[in-house]
C-alpha atoms as a PDB file:
ATOM      1  CA  MET A   1     -37.514   6.858 -13.812  1.00  0.00           C
ATOM      2  CA  LYS A   2     -38.853   9.905 -15.612  1.00  0.00           C
ATOM      3  CA  ILE A   3     -36.944  13.091 -16.120  1.00  0.00           C
ATOM      4  CA  ILE A   4     -38.605  16.062 -14.390  1.00  0.00           C
ATOM      5  CA  ILE A   5     -38.903  19.141 -16.563  1.00  0.00           C
ATOM      6  CA  PHE A   6     -39.529  21.940 -14.067  1.00  0.00           C
ATOM      7  CA  ALA A   7     -36.189  23.556 -15.011  1.00  0.00           C
ATOM      8  CA  VAL A   8     -37.701  24.788 -18.280  1.00  0.00           C
ATOM      9  CA  LEU A   9     -39.550  27.735 -16.764  1.00  0.00           C
ATOM     10  CA  SER A  10     -36.669  29.007 -14.642  1.00  0.00           C
ATOM     11  CA  SER A  11     -34.355  28.729 -17.637  1.00  0.00           C
ATOM     12  CA  LEU A  12     -36.744  30.822 -19.687  1.00  0.00           C
ATOM     13  CA  LEU A  13     -36.566  33.775 -17.266  1.00  0.00           C
ATOM     14  CA  CYS A  14     -32.803  33.581 -17.139  1.00  0.00           C
ATOM     15  CA  LEU A  15     -32.461  33.762 -20.911  1.00  0.00           C
ATOM     16  CA  MET A  16     -34.869  36.609 -21.520  1.00  0.00           C
ATOM     17  CA  MET A  17     -33.072  38.828 -19.029  1.00  0.00           C
ATOM     18  CA  ALA A  18     -29.730  38.156 -20.753  1.00  0.00           C
ATOM     19  CA  CYS A  19     -30.705  38.955 -24.355  1.00  0.00           C
ATOM     20  CA  THR A  20     -28.789  42.032 -25.443  1.00  0.00           C
ATOM     21  CA  SER A  21     -27.088  41.287 -28.792  1.00  0.00           C
ATOM     22  CA  GLN A  22     -28.833  40.464 -32.075  1.00  0.00           C
ATOM     23  CA  ASP A  23     -27.681  36.839 -32.015  1.00  0.00           C
ATOM     24  CA  LYS A  24     -28.843  36.378 -28.446  1.00  0.00           C
ATOM     25  CA  SER A  25     -32.203  37.908 -29.300  1.00  0.00           C
ATOM     26  CA  GLU A  26     -32.697  35.584 -32.263  1.00  0.00           C
ATOM     27  CA  ALA A  27     -31.580  32.652 -30.127  1.00  0.00           C
ATOM     28  CA  GLY A  28     -34.113  33.699 -27.535  1.00  0.00           C
ATOM     29  CA  VAL A  29     -36.929  33.549 -30.084  1.00  0.00           C
ATOM     30  CA  PHE A  30     -35.992  29.997 -31.067  1.00  0.00           C
ATOM     31  CA  PHE A  31     -35.643  29.051 -27.411  1.00  0.00           C
ATOM     32  CA  LEU A  32     -39.140  30.334 -26.659  1.00  0.00           C
ATOM     33  CA  LYS A  33     -40.549  28.397 -29.583  1.00  0.00           C
ATOM     34  CA  GLY A  34     -38.796  25.281 -28.311  1.00  0.00           C
ATOM     35  CA  ASN A  35     -40.320  25.723 -24.863  1.00  0.00           C
ATOM     36  CA  ILE A  36     -43.798  26.028 -26.358  1.00  0.00           C
ATOM     37  CA  GLN A  37     -43.292  22.763 -28.231  1.00  0.00           C
ATOM     38  CA  PHE A  38     -41.893  21.141 -25.094  1.00  0.00           C
ATOM     39  CA  LYS A  39     -44.936  22.079 -23.034  1.00  0.00           C
ATOM     40  CA  ASP A  40     -47.148  20.574 -25.749  1.00  0.00           C
ATOM     41  CA  LYS A  41     -45.006  17.393 -25.592  1.00  0.00           C
ATOM     42  CA  ARG A  42     -43.799  17.813 -29.164  1.00  0.00           C
ATOM     43  CA  PHE A  43     -40.293  16.925 -28.128  1.00  0.00           C
ATOM     44  CA  ALA A  44     -38.780  16.384 -31.575  1.00  0.00           C
ATOM     45  CA  GLU A  45     -39.967  19.845 -32.667  1.00  0.00           C
ATOM     46  CA  ALA A  46     -38.676  21.336 -29.435  1.00  0.00           C
ATOM     47  CA  ILE A  47     -35.235  19.883 -30.106  1.00  0.00           C
ATOM     48  CA  ARG A  48     -35.237  21.386 -33.592  1.00  0.00           C
ATOM     49  CA  PHE A  49     -35.851  24.855 -32.166  1.00  0.00           C
ATOM     50  CA  TYR A  50     -33.262  24.399 -29.424  1.00  0.00           C
ATOM     51  CA  ASP A  51     -30.714  23.435 -32.080  1.00  0.00           C
ATOM     52  CA  GLU A  52     -31.542  26.626 -33.983  1.00  0.00           C
ATOM     53  CA  ALA A  53     -31.055  28.623 -30.794  1.00  0.00           C
ATOM     54  CA  ILE A  54     -27.675  26.984 -30.244  1.00  0.00           C
ATOM     55  CA  LYS A  55     -26.612  27.784 -33.808  1.00  0.00           C
ATOM     56  CA  LYS A  56     -27.381  31.447 -33.191  1.00  0.00           C
ATOM     57  CA  TYR A  57     -25.701  31.501 -29.802  1.00  0.00           C
ATOM     58  CA  PRO A  58     -23.501  28.413 -29.101  1.00  0.00           C
ATOM     59  CA  LYS A  59     -22.989  29.335 -25.446  1.00  0.00           C
ATOM     60  CA  LEU A  60     -26.681  29.223 -24.605  1.00  0.00           C
ATOM     61  CA  THR A  61     -26.562  26.713 -21.756  1.00  0.00           C
ATOM     62  CA  ASP A  62     -30.324  26.834 -21.147  1.00  0.00           C
ATOM     63  CA  ALA A  63     -30.918  25.496 -24.656  1.00  0.00           C
ATOM     64  CA  TYR A  64     -28.570  22.559 -24.014  1.00  0.00           C
ATOM     65  CA  LEU A  65     -30.413  21.819 -20.762  1.00  0.00           C
ATOM     66  CA  ASN A  66     -33.851  21.806 -22.335  1.00  0.00           C
ATOM     67  CA  LYS A  67     -32.620  19.902 -25.361  1.00  0.00           C
ATOM     68  CA  GLY A  68     -31.266  17.263 -22.988  1.00  0.00           C
ATOM     69  CA  LEU A  69     -34.598  17.071 -21.163  1.00  0.00           C
ATOM     70  CA  ALA A  70     -36.475  16.709 -24.456  1.00  0.00           C
ATOM     71  CA  LEU A  71     -34.114  13.972 -25.634  1.00  0.00           C
ATOM     72  CA  SER A  72     -34.678  12.135 -22.355  1.00  0.00           C
ATOM     73  CA  GLN A  73     -38.425  12.257 -22.924  1.00  0.00           C
ATOM     74  CA  LEU A  74     -37.841  10.588 -26.299  1.00  0.00           C
ATOM     75  CA  GLY A  75     -35.763   7.847 -24.672  1.00  0.00           C
ATOM     76  CA  LYS A  76     -32.526   9.098 -26.258  1.00  0.00           C
ATOM     77  CA  SER A  77     -30.542   8.966 -23.055  1.00  0.00           C
ATOM     78  CA  GLU A  78     -27.082   8.934 -24.626  1.00  0.00           C
ATOM     79  CA  GLU A  79     -27.791  12.063 -26.660  1.00  0.00           C
ATOM     80  CA  ALA A  80     -29.400  13.685 -23.626  1.00  0.00           C
ATOM     81  CA  TYR A  81     -26.319  12.947 -21.563  1.00  0.00           C
ATOM     82  CA  ALA A  82     -24.122  14.562 -24.211  1.00  0.00           C
ATOM     83  CA  ALA A  83     -26.270  17.724 -24.377  1.00  0.00           C
ATOM     84  CA  LEU A  84     -26.307  18.084 -20.593  1.00  0.00           C
ATOM     85  CA  SER A  85     -22.568  17.491 -20.399  1.00  0.00           C
ATOM     86  CA  ARG A  86     -22.060  20.265 -22.957  1.00  0.00           C
ATOM     87  CA  ALA A  87     -24.129  22.622 -20.779  1.00  0.00           C
ATOM     88  CA  LEU A  88     -21.841  21.822 -17.854  1.00  0.00           C
ATOM     89  CA  GLU A  89     -18.716  22.336 -19.950  1.00  0.00           C
ATOM     90  CA  LEU A  90     -19.957  25.854 -20.646  1.00  0.00           C
ATOM     91  CA  GLU A  91     -21.159  26.508 -17.080  1.00  0.00           C
ATOM     92  CA  ASP A  92     -19.803  24.211 -14.394  1.00  0.00           C
ATOM     93  CA  GLY A  93     -22.122  25.669 -11.750  1.00  0.00           C
ATOM     94  CA  PHE A  94     -25.294  25.018 -13.747  1.00  0.00           C
ATOM     95  CA  HIS A  95     -27.101  23.042 -11.051  1.00  0.00           C
ATOM     96  CA  GLU A  96     -30.226  22.200 -13.070  1.00  0.00           C
ATOM     97  CA  ALA A  97     -28.099  20.649 -15.815  1.00  0.00           C
ATOM     98  CA  ARG A  98     -26.075  18.663 -13.285  1.00  0.00           C
ATOM     99  CA  MET A  99     -29.223  17.255 -11.709  1.00  0.00           C
ATOM    100  CA  ALA A 100     -30.622  16.309 -15.111  1.00  0.00           C
ATOM    101  CA  ARG A 101     -27.316  14.686 -16.076  1.00  0.00           C
ATOM    102  CA  ALA A 102     -27.349  12.623 -12.893  1.00  0.00           C
ATOM    103  CA  GLU A 103     -30.764  11.299 -13.931  1.00  0.00           C
ATOM    104  CA  ALA A 104     -29.563  10.535 -17.466  1.00  0.00           C
ATOM    105  CA  ALA A 105     -26.474   8.826 -16.066  1.00  0.00           C
ATOM    106  CA  LEU A 106     -28.662   6.546 -13.939  1.00  0.00           C
ATOM    107  CA  VAL A 107     -30.712   5.540 -16.986  1.00  0.00           C
ATOM    108  CA  LEU A 108     -27.468   4.675 -18.779  1.00  0.00           C
ATOM    109  CA  GLY A 109     -26.147   2.695 -15.819  1.00  0.00           C
ATOM    110  CA  ARG A 110     -23.353   5.192 -15.101  1.00  0.00           C
ATOM    111  CA  THR A 111     -23.771   5.131 -11.352  1.00  0.00           C
ATOM    112  CA  ALA A 112     -20.319   6.583 -10.612  1.00  0.00           C
ATOM    113  CA  GLN A 113     -21.070   9.685 -12.695  1.00  0.00           C
ATOM    114  CA  ALA A 114     -24.518  10.040 -11.153  1.00  0.00           C
ATOM    115  CA  GLU A 115     -23.009   9.789  -7.680  1.00  0.00           C
ATOM    116  CA  ASP A 116     -20.360  12.391  -8.502  1.00  0.00           C
ATOM    117  CA  ASP A 117     -22.968  14.817  -9.826  1.00  0.00           C
ATOM    118  CA  LEU A 118     -25.316  14.331  -6.884  1.00  0.00           C
ATOM    119  CA  SER A 119     -22.501  14.782  -4.357  1.00  0.00           C
ATOM    120  CA  LEU A 120     -21.938  18.290  -5.758  1.00  0.00           C
ATOM    121  CA  LEU A 121     -25.631  19.121  -5.299  1.00  0.00           C
ATOM    122  CA  THR A 122     -26.165  17.946  -1.718  1.00  0.00           C
ATOM    123  CA  ASN A 123     -26.150  21.415  -0.179  1.00  0.00           C
ATOM    124  CA  VAL A 124     -27.835  23.130  -3.122  1.00  0.00           C
ATOM    125  CA  TYR A 125     -30.811  20.755  -3.135  1.00  0.00           C
ATOM    126  CA  LYS A 126     -30.993  19.831   0.551  1.00  0.00           C
ATOM    127  CA  ASP A 127     -34.693  20.757   0.604  1.00  0.00           C
ATOM    128  CA  SER A 128     -35.567  19.303  -2.812  1.00  0.00           C
ATOM    129  CA  THR A 129     -37.900  16.319  -3.095  1.00  0.00           C
ATOM    130  CA  ARG A 130     -36.516  15.708  -6.578  1.00  0.00           C
ATOM    131  CA  PHE A 131     -32.949  15.422  -5.278  1.00  0.00           C
ATOM    132  CA  TYR A 132     -33.884  12.768  -2.710  1.00  0.00           C
ATOM    133  CA  LEU A 133     -35.908  10.857  -5.307  1.00  0.00           C
ATOM    134  CA  VAL A 134     -32.949  10.722  -7.696  1.00  0.00           C
ATOM    135  CA  ARG A 135     -30.468   9.854  -4.967  1.00  0.00           C
ATOM    136  CA  GLY A 136     -32.850   7.169  -3.721  1.00  0.00           C
ATOM    137  CA  ASN A 137     -32.848   5.674  -7.207  1.00  0.00           C
ATOM    138  CA  LEU A 138     -29.052   5.740  -7.147  1.00  0.00           C
ATOM    139  CA  MET A 139     -29.025   3.926  -3.799  1.00  0.00           C
ATOM    140  CA  VAL A 140     -31.342   1.265  -5.265  1.00  0.00           C
ATOM    141  CA  ASP A 141     -28.898   0.764  -8.137  1.00  0.00           C
ATOM    142  CA  LYS A 142     -26.062   0.425  -5.621  1.00  0.00           C
ATOM    143  CA  ASN A 143     -28.148  -2.048  -3.560  1.00  0.00           C
ATOM    144  CA  GLN A 144     -27.936   0.188  -0.501  1.00  0.00           C
ATOM    145  CA  LYS A 145     -31.474  -0.392   0.683  1.00  0.00           C
ATOM    146  CA  GLY A 146     -31.273   1.453   3.969  1.00  0.00           C
ATOM    147  CA  ALA A 147     -30.037   4.617   2.271  1.00  0.00           C
ATOM    148  CA  ALA A 148     -32.638   4.241  -0.488  1.00  0.00           C
ATOM    149  CA  TYR A 149     -35.493   3.958   2.019  1.00  0.00           C
ATOM    150  CA  ALA A 150     -34.173   7.017   3.864  1.00  0.00           C
ATOM    151  CA  ASP A 151     -34.024   9.088   0.678  1.00  0.00           C
ATOM    152  CA  PHE A 152     -37.493   8.072  -0.516  1.00  0.00           C
ATOM    153  CA  ASP A 153     -38.862   8.811   2.965  1.00  0.00           C
ATOM    154  CA  LYS A 154     -37.283  12.266   2.820  1.00  0.00           C
ATOM    155  CA  ALA A 155     -38.619  12.897  -0.686  1.00  0.00           C
ATOM    156  CA  ILE A 156     -42.145  12.028   0.463  1.00  0.00           C
ATOM    157  CA  LEU A 157     -41.780  14.087   3.651  1.00  0.00           C
ATOM    158  CA  LEU A 158     -40.838  17.129   1.571  1.00  0.00           C
ATOM    159  CA  ASP A 159     -43.635  16.480  -0.912  1.00  0.00           C
ATOM    160  CA  PRO A 160     -46.358  13.995   0.105  1.00  0.00           C
ATOM    161  CA  GLU A 161     -47.590  14.109  -3.505  1.00  0.00           C
ATOM    162  CA  ASN A 162     -44.312  12.880  -5.020  1.00  0.00           C
ATOM    163  CA  VAL A 163     -45.841  10.013  -6.979  1.00  0.00           C
ATOM    164  CA  GLU A 164     -42.551   8.579  -8.237  1.00  0.00           C
ATOM    165  CA  ALA A 165     -41.089   8.412  -4.735  1.00  0.00           C
ATOM    166  CA  LEU A 166     -44.213   6.599  -3.518  1.00  0.00           C
ATOM    167  CA  VAL A 167     -44.010   4.116  -6.394  1.00  0.00           C
ATOM    168  CA  ASN A 168     -40.291   3.485  -5.919  1.00  0.00           C
ATOM    169  CA  ARG A 169     -40.568   3.052  -2.166  1.00  0.00           C
ATOM    170  CA  GLY A 170     -43.532   0.757  -2.736  1.00  0.00           C
ATOM    171  CA  ALA A 171     -41.472  -1.340  -5.125  1.00  0.00           C
ATOM    172  CA  MET A 172     -38.816  -1.754  -2.442  1.00  0.00           C
ATOM    173  CA  PHE A 173     -41.438  -2.740   0.121  1.00  0.00           C
ATOM    174  CA  PHE A 174     -42.793  -5.324  -2.319  1.00  0.00           C
ATOM    175  CA  GLU A 175     -39.351  -6.816  -2.981  1.00  0.00           C
ATOM    176  CA  ASP A 176     -38.773  -7.040   0.773  1.00  0.00           C
ATOM    177  CA  GLY A 177     -42.032  -8.925   1.274  1.00  0.00           C
ATOM    178  CA  LYS A 178     -43.820  -5.996   2.935  1.00  0.00           C
ATOM    179  CA  THR A 179     -46.965  -6.378   0.850  1.00  0.00           C
ATOM    180  CA  LYS A 180     -49.249  -4.185   2.941  1.00  0.00           C
ATOM    181  CA  GLU A 181     -46.816  -1.260   2.978  1.00  0.00           C
ATOM    182  CA  ALA A 182     -46.267  -1.659  -0.767  1.00  0.00           C
ATOM    183  CA  GLY A 183     -49.997  -1.697  -1.435  1.00  0.00           C
ATOM    184  CA  ASP A 184     -50.477   1.434   0.664  1.00  0.00           C
ATOM    185  CA  ASP A 185     -47.820   3.334  -1.303  1.00  0.00           C
ATOM    186  CA  PHE A 186     -49.240   2.260  -4.664  1.00  0.00           C
ATOM    187  CA  ALA A 187     -52.758   3.200  -3.538  1.00  0.00           C
ATOM    188  CA  ARG A 188     -51.539   6.658  -2.484  1.00  0.00           C
ATOM    189  CA  ALA A 189     -49.771   7.098  -5.817  1.00  0.00           C
ATOM    190  CA  LEU A 190     -52.892   6.134  -7.751  1.00  0.00           C
ATOM    191  CA  ALA A 191     -55.052   8.490  -5.694  1.00  0.00           C
ATOM    192  CA  LEU A 192     -52.745  11.286  -6.877  1.00  0.00           C
ATOM    193  CA  ASN A 193     -52.385  10.037 -10.458  1.00  0.00           C
ATOM    194  CA  PRO A 194     -54.851   7.288 -11.477  1.00  0.00           C
ATOM    195  CA  ALA A 195     -53.044   6.800 -14.802  1.00  0.00           C
ATOM    196  CA  GLN A 196     -49.544   6.253 -13.367  1.00  0.00           C
ATOM    197  CA  LYS A 197     -48.390   3.168 -15.240  1.00  0.00           C
ATOM    198  CA  GLU A 198     -45.926   1.755 -12.721  1.00  0.00           C
ATOM    199  CA  ALA A 199     -48.351   2.236  -9.850  1.00  0.00           C
ATOM    200  CA  LEU A 200     -51.098   0.413 -11.773  1.00  0.00           C
ATOM    201  CA  ASN A 201     -48.795  -2.447 -12.662  1.00  0.00           C
ATOM    202  CA  ASN A 202     -47.396  -2.772  -9.157  1.00  0.00           C
ATOM    203  CA  ARG A 203     -50.805  -2.545  -7.501  1.00  0.00           C
ATOM    204  CA  GLY A 204     -51.813  -5.471  -9.688  1.00  0.00           C
ATOM    205  CA  LEU A 205     -48.745  -7.426  -8.550  1.00  0.00           C
ATOM    206  CA  VAL A 206     -49.705  -6.848  -4.910  1.00  0.00           C
ATOM    207  CA  LEU A 207     -53.158  -8.255  -5.632  1.00  0.00           C
ATOM    208  CA  LEU A 208     -51.608 -11.294  -7.340  1.00  0.00           C
ATOM    209  CA  LYS A 209     -49.464 -11.836  -4.260  1.00  0.00           C
ATOM    210  CA  GLU A 210     -52.563 -11.601  -2.083  1.00  0.00           C
ATOM    211  CA  GLY A 211     -54.324 -14.261  -4.188  1.00  0.00           C
ATOM    212  CA  ASN A 212     -56.712 -11.997  -6.055  1.00  0.00           C
ATOM    213  CA  PRO A 213     -55.902 -12.477  -9.775  1.00  0.00           C
ATOM    214  CA  GLY A 214     -59.331 -11.307 -10.945  1.00  0.00           C
ATOM    215  CA  GLU A 215     -58.962  -7.832  -9.446  1.00  0.00           C
ATOM    216  CA  ALA A 216     -55.275  -7.713 -10.413  1.00  0.00           C
ATOM    217  CA  LEU A 217     -56.211  -8.324 -14.051  1.00  0.00           C
ATOM    218  CA  GLY A 218     -58.161  -5.070 -14.093  1.00  0.00           C
ATOM    219  CA  TYR A 219     -55.059  -3.065 -13.176  1.00  0.00           C
ATOM    220  CA  PHE A 220     -52.964  -4.678 -15.910  1.00  0.00           C
ATOM    221  CA  GLU A 221     -55.719  -3.982 -18.430  1.00  0.00           C
ATOM    222  CA  LYS A 222     -55.676  -0.289 -17.479  1.00  0.00           C
ATOM    223  CA  VAL A 223     -51.974  -0.163 -18.349  1.00  0.00           C
ATOM    224  CA  LEU A 224     -52.513  -1.944 -21.643  1.00  0.00           C
ATOM    225  CA  ILE A 225     -55.327   0.373 -22.720  1.00  0.00           C
ATOM    226  CA  ARG A 226     -52.784   3.208 -22.811  1.00  0.00           C
ATOM    227  CA  THR A 227     -49.675   1.212 -23.772  1.00  0.00           C
ATOM    228  CA  PRO A 228     -50.716  -2.041 -25.495  1.00  0.00           C
ATOM    229  CA  ASP A 229     -47.088  -2.972 -26.193  1.00  0.00           C
ATOM    230  CA  ASP A 230     -45.999  -2.930 -22.530  1.00  0.00           C
ATOM    231  CA  GLY A 231     -44.194  -6.259 -22.219  1.00  0.00           C
ATOM    232  CA  TYR A 232     -44.268  -6.298 -18.426  1.00  0.00           C
ATOM    233  CA  ALA A 233     -48.003  -5.620 -18.175  1.00  0.00           C
ATOM    234  CA  LEU A 234     -48.655  -8.284 -20.808  1.00  0.00           C
ATOM    235  CA  ASN A 235     -46.667 -10.801 -18.777  1.00  0.00           C
ATOM    236  CA  ASN A 236     -48.517  -9.876 -15.599  1.00  0.00           C
ATOM    237  CA  LYS A 237     -51.823 -10.174 -17.431  1.00  0.00           C
ATOM    238  CA  GLY A 238     -50.756 -13.618 -18.668  1.00  0.00           C
ATOM    239  CA  GLU A 239     -49.899 -14.725 -15.143  1.00  0.00           C
ATOM    240  CA  ALA A 240     -53.266 -13.540 -13.827  1.00  0.00           C
ATOM    241  CA  LEU A 241     -55.060 -15.377 -16.622  1.00  0.00           C
ATOM    242  CA  LEU A 242     -53.124 -18.566 -15.861  1.00  0.00           C
ATOM    243  CA  LEU A 243     -54.221 -18.345 -12.238  1.00  0.00           C
ATOM    244  CA  LEU A 244     -57.799 -17.846 -13.413  1.00  0.00           C
ATOM    245  CA  GLY A 245     -57.575 -20.981 -15.593  1.00  0.00           C
ATOM    246  CA  LYS A 246     -57.925 -19.005 -18.842  1.00  0.00           C
ATOM    247  CA  ARG A 247     -55.106 -20.791 -20.622  1.00  0.00           C
ATOM    248  CA  ASP A 248     -55.773 -19.714 -24.214  1.00  0.00           C
ATOM    249  CA  GLU A 249     -55.967 -16.039 -23.278  1.00  0.00           C
ATOM    250  CA  ALA A 250     -52.885 -16.432 -21.092  1.00  0.00           C
ATOM    251  CA  LEU A 251     -50.889 -17.906 -23.976  1.00  0.00           C
ATOM    252  CA  LYS A 252     -51.771 -14.953 -26.205  1.00  0.00           C
ATOM    253  CA  ALA A 253     -50.729 -12.413 -23.578  1.00  0.00           C
ATOM    254  CA  LEU A 254     -47.475 -14.196 -22.730  1.00  0.00           C
ATOM    255  CA  SER A 255     -46.550 -14.666 -26.389  1.00  0.00           C
ATOM    256  CA  ARG A 256     -47.071 -10.965 -27.044  1.00  0.00           C
ATOM    257  CA  SER A 257     -45.075 -10.119 -23.936  1.00  0.00           C
ATOM    258  CA  LEU A 258     -42.085 -12.058 -25.254  1.00  0.00           C
ATOM    259  CA  GLU A 259     -42.368 -10.303 -28.618  1.00  0.00           C
ATOM    260  CA  PHE A 260     -41.682  -7.015 -26.869  1.00  0.00           C
ATOM    261  CA  LYS A 261     -39.439  -8.299 -24.042  1.00  0.00           C
ATOM    262  CA  PRO A 262     -37.800 -11.542 -25.246  1.00  0.00           C
ATOM    263  CA  ASP A 263     -35.318 -11.579 -22.354  1.00  0.00           C
ATOM    264  CA  ASN A 264     -37.820 -11.157 -19.536  1.00  0.00           C
ATOM    265  CA  ALA A 265     -37.204 -14.194 -17.356  1.00  0.00           C
ATOM    266  CA  TYR A 266     -40.542 -13.711 -15.580  1.00  0.00           C
ATOM    267  CA  ALA A 267     -42.443 -14.079 -18.857  1.00  0.00           C
ATOM    268  CA  LEU A 268     -40.293 -17.064 -19.828  1.00  0.00           C
ATOM    269  CA  LYS A 269     -41.074 -18.704 -16.487  1.00  0.00           C
ATOM    270  CA  ASN A 270     -44.796 -18.111 -17.023  1.00  0.00           C
ATOM    271  CA  MET A 271     -44.594 -19.628 -20.499  1.00  0.00           C
ATOM    272  CA  GLY A 272     -42.866 -22.593 -18.926  1.00  0.00           C
ATOM    273  CA  LEU A 273     -45.622 -22.782 -16.344  1.00  0.00           C
ATOM    274  CA  TYR A 274     -48.241 -22.685 -19.112  1.00  0.00           C
ATOM    275  CA  TYR A 275     -46.721 -25.721 -20.832  1.00  0.00           C
ATOM    276  CA  PHE A 276     -45.953 -27.443 -17.525  1.00  0.00           C
ATOM    277  CA  SER A 277     -49.596 -27.199 -16.432  1.00  0.00           C
ATOM    278  CA  GLY A 278     -50.559 -28.777 -19.759  1.00  0.00           C
ATOM    279  CA  LYS A 279     -48.009 -31.596 -19.169  1.00  0.00           C
ATOM    280  CA  ASP A 280     -45.958 -30.556 -22.207  1.00  0.00           C
ATOM    281  CA  TYR A 281     -42.692 -30.880 -20.297  1.00  0.00           C
ATOM    282  CA  GLU A 282     -40.369 -30.569 -23.303  1.00  0.00           C
ATOM    283  CA  ASN A 283     -41.678 -27.124 -24.258  1.00  0.00           C
ATOM    284  CA  ALA A 284     -41.819 -26.167 -20.600  1.00  0.00           C
ATOM    285  CA  ALA A 285     -38.152 -27.074 -20.178  1.00  0.00           C
ATOM    286  CA  ARG A 286     -37.232 -25.019 -23.250  1.00  0.00           C
ATOM    287  CA  PHE A 287     -38.671 -21.831 -21.787  1.00  0.00           C
ATOM    288  CA  LEU A 288     -37.584 -22.500 -18.221  1.00  0.00           C
ATOM    289  CA  ASP A 289     -33.985 -23.238 -19.225  1.00  0.00           C
ATOM    290  CA  LYS A 290     -33.823 -19.957 -21.117  1.00  0.00           C
ATOM    291  CA  ALA A 291     -35.165 -18.131 -18.074  1.00  0.00           C
ATOM    292  CA  VAL A 292     -32.499 -19.794 -15.905  1.00  0.00           C
ATOM    293  CA  SER A 293     -29.758 -18.763 -18.344  1.00  0.00           C
ATOM    294  CA  LEU A 294     -30.672 -15.092 -17.875  1.00  0.00           C
ATOM    295  CA  GLU A 295     -29.850 -15.235 -14.151  1.00  0.00           C
ATOM    296  CA  GLN A 296     -32.571 -12.761 -13.154  1.00  0.00           C
ATOM    297  CA  ASN A 297     -33.411 -14.441  -9.821  1.00  0.00           C
ATOM    298  CA  VAL A 298     -37.076 -15.116 -10.512  1.00  0.00           C
ATOM    299  CA  PRO A 299     -38.826 -16.550  -7.410  1.00  0.00           C
ATOM    300  CA  GLY A 300     -39.654 -20.252  -7.757  1.00  0.00           C
ATOM    301  CA  LEU A 301     -37.910 -20.611 -11.117  1.00  0.00           C
ATOM    302  CA  TYR A 302     -35.315 -23.222 -10.124  1.00  0.00           C
ATOM    303  CA  GLY A 303     -37.795 -25.380  -8.290  1.00  0.00           C
ATOM    304  CA  LEU A 304     -40.141 -25.451 -11.285  1.00  0.00           C
ATOM    305  CA  ALA A 305     -37.357 -25.967 -13.836  1.00  0.00           C
ATOM    306  CA  GLY A 306     -35.920 -28.810 -11.794  1.00  0.00           C
ATOM    307  CA  LYS A 307     -39.346 -30.448 -11.449  1.00  0.00           C
ATOM    308  CA  CYS A 308     -39.780 -30.268 -15.209  1.00  0.00           C
ATOM    309  CA  HIS A 309     -36.457 -31.978 -15.903  1.00  0.00           C
ATOM    310  CA  PHE A 310     -37.179 -34.580 -13.243  1.00  0.00           C
ATOM    311  CA  LEU A 311     -40.402 -35.469 -15.045  1.00  0.00           C
ATOM    312  CA  LEU A 312     -38.362 -35.758 -18.265  1.00  0.00           C
ATOM    313  CA  ASN A 313     -36.217 -38.384 -16.470  1.00  0.00           C
ATOM    314  CA  ASN A 314     -33.207 -36.073 -16.291  1.00  0.00           C
ATOM    315  CA  SER A 315     -32.478 -36.368 -12.571  1.00  0.00           C
ATOM    316  CA  ALA A 316     -28.934 -35.024 -12.822  1.00  0.00           C
ATOM    317  CA  ARG A 317     -30.112 -31.750 -14.370  1.00  0.00           C
ATOM    318  CA  ALA A 318     -33.008 -31.552 -11.914  1.00  0.00           C
ATOM    319  CA  CYS A 319     -30.734 -31.912  -8.906  1.00  0.00           C
ATOM    320  CA  GLN A 320     -28.323 -29.360 -10.335  1.00  0.00           C
ATOM    321  CA  LEU A 321     -31.143 -26.834 -10.664  1.00  0.00           C
ATOM    322  CA  TRP A 322     -32.513 -27.589  -7.224  1.00  0.00           C
ATOM    323  CA  ALA A 323     -29.045 -27.117  -5.715  1.00  0.00           C
ATOM    324  CA  LEU A 324     -28.909 -23.643  -7.254  1.00  0.00           C
ATOM    325  CA  GLY A 325     -32.422 -22.961  -6.043  1.00  0.00           C
ATOM    326  CA  LYS A 326     -31.507 -23.879  -2.482  1.00  0.00           C
ATOM    327  CA  VAL A 327     -28.953 -21.050  -2.473  1.00  0.00           C
ATOM    328  CA  LEU A 328     -31.759 -18.656  -3.438  1.00  0.00           C
ATOM    329  CA  ASN A 329     -34.087 -20.072  -0.765  1.00  0.00           C
ATOM    330  CA  ASP A 330     -36.485 -21.491  -3.377  1.00  0.00           C
ATOM    331  CA  SER A 331     -38.861 -23.555  -1.218  1.00  0.00           C
ATOM    332  CA  LEU A 332     -39.826 -26.000  -3.997  1.00  0.00           C
ATOM    333  CA  ALA A 333     -36.171 -26.554  -4.898  1.00  0.00           C
ATOM    334  CA  ILE A 334     -35.338 -27.241  -1.254  1.00  0.00           C
ATOM    335  CA  SER A 335     -38.138 -29.767  -0.733  1.00  0.00           C
ATOM    336  CA  GLU A 336     -37.574 -31.566  -4.054  1.00  0.00           C
ATOM    337  CA  SER A 337     -33.828 -31.740  -3.467  1.00  0.00           C
ATOM    338  CA  VAL A 338     -34.323 -33.342  -0.062  1.00  0.00           C
ATOM    339  CA  ARG A 339     -36.787 -35.831  -1.551  1.00  0.00           C
ATOM    340  CA  ASN A 340     -34.974 -36.792  -4.766  1.00  0.00           C
ATOM    341  CA  CYS A 341     -31.265 -35.906  -4.588  1.00  0.00           C
ATOM    342  CA  ARG A 342     -28.373 -37.278  -2.596  1.00  0.00           C
END
């Protein structure tokens, strides 16, 4: 989820109309300089100017808001949360800051705080596509799928070009096995923004699901051209290469993926699959067992891990894994359990 920065311009007008004292005027100059840096995506420089503005006029809530937005862009969610909270301490009715804090709270996993903030904004932002996008993300975190779908639908109704809402709704469709609907949402998102990383990645996953690893590979490569250290795209690339029989290239991609995301159970499963397909069951078991320990509910993981241990003559461990897989409706685990376990 990306923080939206449209509040910057409205904050600018508010400040310039309020500048009457010398300190406020000097603060306004620093604030303007910060906004210029923000627009140029020089977020660290923007923060420096916002801090100078705050020194000149410590009650400048707009500077705390924009500082929080800049910190969010740098991935400093905890510091962003603190800056936005300070803005709200100074001005409880500062709606833009409350919305931004709800977004920061979601990134930090503070769903209760996000829910509290959003509940205070329901009437204020009843016609805001951004509000429904953020609340939809909250509903996803709370595993309230029906409410999440409703909010994403509303966000897209209010703004058919809301790329993030399309991507997030598409991700839900994909998880629910609605591949066509997911593909349609990702295609719409990419028509609006061909460089949108999540849409590219997810479109590739749809193609993998549809049995087209060659075309899927192209989407993962587009992500990696811009962000070569994206652990998820590297894993997806590795999976596509495995399906294409390009084992050496797959190993390189999967190894790099685990360098950046060592606790990604999907990449660990694919590494296990790499070794399993080469009949190196000991190394396969090592990666698959680690994936199991992370409890990330990777489709087909328990069936494959159990099969690996069965081939290593460890039937007890295999049956234990298959029993767990049966609970998760893992088709391989179910069939192998029926065949080999009592």
